[in-house]
Amino acid sequence: MPRATITLPDELQGELQRYLADLESPVPVSRAVQAAIREYLARRGYGTSERFQPLRITPSPTGSGSTDVSTEHDRYLADSLSAE
C-alpha cells in the first residue's frame, strides 16, 4: 500500500482530533482519512468498489421477534452477511 504524507492546517487537525475522540471505538488517523477520501471520491462518482460501502442497518418497525439479539448480535450479523 502506498504511503502519503499530508499537512493539515491546525483547524482541520483539531476537528479531526475531536472527531476521533467522540468515536465509541478508537480508530487510527489513517483509517479515518482513508474513509474520508473514499466518501469524497464516491460522492463525485469515483467509487471503484462496493467493498467500501458503509454498513447501514435499518431497524424493523415491528421488531424481529427474537429475544436474544442484544447478546447474540454478532451471530445475527454474521448470519445476515453470509446469506447475501
C-alpha atoms as a PDB file:
ATOM      1  CA  MET A   1       0.000   0.000   0.000  1.00  0.00           C
ATOM      2  CA  PRO A   2       1.475   3.368  -0.981  1.00  0.00           C
ATOM      3  CA  ARG A   3       2.166   5.874   1.783  1.00  0.00           C
ATOM      4  CA  ALA A   4       1.429   9.583   1.642  1.00  0.00           C
ATOM      5  CA  THR A   5       2.430  12.424   3.889  1.00  0.00           C
ATOM      6  CA  ILE A   6      -0.141  15.165   4.264  1.00  0.00           C
ATOM      7  CA  THR A   7      -0.076  18.507   6.001  1.00  0.00           C
ATOM      8  CA  LEU A   8      -3.198  19.579   7.855  1.00  0.00           C
ATOM      9  CA  PRO A   9      -3.956  23.134   8.915  1.00  0.00           C
ATOM     10  CA  ASP A  10      -4.219  23.473  12.698  1.00  0.00           C
ATOM     11  CA  GLU A  11      -8.003  23.952  12.464  1.00  0.00           C
ATOM     12  CA  LEU A  12      -8.512  20.753  10.448  1.00  0.00           C
ATOM     13  CA  GLN A  13      -6.189  18.819  12.746  1.00  0.00           C
ATOM     14  CA  GLY A  14      -8.250  19.980  15.729  1.00  0.00           C
ATOM     15  CA  GLU A  15     -11.509  18.954  14.056  1.00  0.00           C
ATOM     16  CA  LEU A  16     -10.060  15.539  13.202  1.00  0.00           C
ATOM     17  CA  GLN A  17      -8.878  15.010  16.784  1.00  0.00           C
ATOM     18  CA  ARG A  18     -12.307  15.999  18.156  1.00  0.00           C
ATOM     19  CA  TYR A  19     -13.992  13.593  15.734  1.00  0.00           C
ATOM     20  CA  LEU A  20     -11.709  10.721  16.742  1.00  0.00           C
ATOM     21  CA  ALA A  21     -12.218  11.486  20.442  1.00  0.00           C
ATOM     22  CA  ASP A  22     -16.014  11.347  20.008  1.00  0.00           C
ATOM     23  CA  LEU A  23     -15.966   7.848  18.488  1.00  0.00           C
ATOM     24  CA  GLU A  24     -17.106   4.987  20.701  1.00  0.00           C
ATOM     25  CA  SER A  25     -14.319   2.738  19.380  1.00  0.00           C
ATOM     26  CA  PRO A  26     -10.826   4.094  18.679  1.00  0.00           C
ATOM     27  CA  VAL A  27      -9.859   4.391  15.023  1.00  0.00           C
ATOM     28  CA  PRO A  28      -6.362   5.135  13.692  1.00  0.00           C
ATOM     29  CA  VAL A  29      -5.960   8.513  11.988  1.00  0.00           C
ATOM     30  CA  SER A  30      -5.008   6.771   8.734  1.00  0.00           C
ATOM     31  CA  ARG A  31      -8.274   4.785   8.735  1.00  0.00           C
ATOM     32  CA  ALA A  32     -10.341   7.951   9.315  1.00  0.00           C
ATOM     33  CA  VAL A  33      -8.529   9.775   6.495  1.00  0.00           C
ATOM     34  CA  GLN A  34      -8.974   6.801   4.125  1.00  0.00           C
ATOM     35  CA  ALA A  35     -12.711   6.714   4.890  1.00  0.00           C
ATOM     36  CA  ALA A  36     -12.994  10.472   4.290  1.00  0.00           C
ATOM     37  CA  ILE A  37     -11.200  10.231   0.936  1.00  0.00           C
ATOM     38  CA  ARG A  38     -13.364   7.272  -0.144  1.00  0.00           C
ATOM     39  CA  GLU A  39     -16.545   9.163   0.738  1.00  0.00           C
ATOM     40  CA  TYR A  40     -15.298  12.315  -1.027  1.00  0.00           C
ATOM     41  CA  LEU A  41     -14.472  10.382  -4.204  1.00  0.00           C
ATOM     42  CA  ALA A  42     -17.674   8.308  -4.128  1.00  0.00           C
ATOM     43  CA  ARG A  43     -19.800  11.459  -3.907  1.00  0.00           C
ATOM     44  CA  ARG A  44     -18.086  12.648  -7.087  1.00  0.00           C
ATOM     45  CA  GLY A  45     -18.658   9.391  -8.934  1.00  0.00           C
ATOM     46  CA  TYR A  46     -15.206   7.893  -8.495  1.00  0.00           C
ATOM     47  CA  GLY A  47     -16.073   5.000  -6.191  1.00  0.00           C
ATOM     48  CA  THR A  48     -14.415   1.884  -7.582  1.00  0.00           C
ATOM     49  CA  SER A  49     -15.592  -0.870  -5.285  1.00  0.00           C
ATOM     50  CA  GLU A  50     -18.739  -1.830  -3.420  1.00  0.00           C
ATOM     51  CA  ARG A  51     -16.468  -3.284  -0.755  1.00  0.00           C
ATOM     52  CA  PHE A  52     -16.095   0.152   0.821  1.00  0.00           C
ATOM     53  CA  GLN A  53     -19.802   0.918   1.159  1.00  0.00           C
ATOM     54  CA  PRO A  54     -20.762   1.802   4.719  1.00  0.00           C
ATOM     55  CA  LEU A  55     -22.815  -0.710   6.654  1.00  0.00           C
ATOM     56  CA  ARG A  56     -26.359   0.527   7.013  1.00  0.00           C
ATOM     57  CA  ILE A  57     -28.641  -1.185   9.494  1.00  0.00           C
ATOM     58  CA  THR A  58     -32.324  -0.320   9.395  1.00  0.00           C
ATOM     59  CA  PRO A  59     -34.313  -1.413  12.435  1.00  0.00           C
ATOM     60  CA  SER A  60     -37.506  -3.302  11.830  1.00  0.00           C
ATOM     61  CA  PRO A  61     -40.591  -1.221  12.671  1.00  0.00           C
ATOM     62  CA  THR A  62     -42.278  -4.300  14.152  1.00  0.00           C
ATOM     63  CA  GLY A  63     -39.269  -5.917  15.835  1.00  0.00           C
ATOM     64  CA  SER A  64     -37.595  -9.192  14.973  1.00  0.00           C
ATOM     65  CA  GLY A  65     -39.472 -11.448  17.344  1.00  0.00           C
ATOM     66  CA  SER A  66     -36.148 -12.623  18.794  1.00  0.00           C
ATOM     67  CA  THR A  67     -35.367 -12.005  22.447  1.00  0.00           C
ATOM     68  CA  ASP A  68     -31.592 -12.600  22.387  1.00  0.00           C
ATOM     69  CA  VAL A  69     -30.447 -10.039  19.814  1.00  0.00           C
ATOM     70  CA  SER A  70     -28.722  -7.830  22.395  1.00  0.00           C
ATOM     71  CA  THR A  71     -26.484 -10.707  23.494  1.00  0.00           C
ATOM     72  CA  GLU A  72     -26.177 -12.579  20.173  1.00  0.00           C
ATOM     73  CA  HIS A  73     -25.818  -9.580  17.815  1.00  0.00           C
ATOM     74  CA  ASP A  74     -22.540 -10.813  16.293  1.00  0.00           C
ATOM     75  CA  ARG A  75     -24.095 -14.143  15.319  1.00  0.00           C
ATOM     76  CA  TYR A  76     -27.151 -12.440  13.784  1.00  0.00           C
ATOM     77  CA  LEU A  77     -24.943 -10.042  11.808  1.00  0.00           C
ATOM     78  CA  ALA A  78     -22.687 -12.859  10.566  1.00  0.00           C
ATOM     79  CA  ASP A  79     -25.749 -14.910   9.550  1.00  0.00           C
ATOM     80  CA  SER A  80     -27.256 -11.990   7.631  1.00  0.00           C
ATOM     81  CA  LEU A  81     -23.975 -11.205   5.843  1.00  0.00           C
ATOM     82  CA  SER A  82     -23.401 -14.838   4.853  1.00  0.00           C
ATOM     83  CA  ALA A  83     -26.921 -15.002   3.406  1.00  0.00           C
ATOM     84  CA  GLU A  84     -26.101 -12.294   0.843  1.00  0.00           C
END
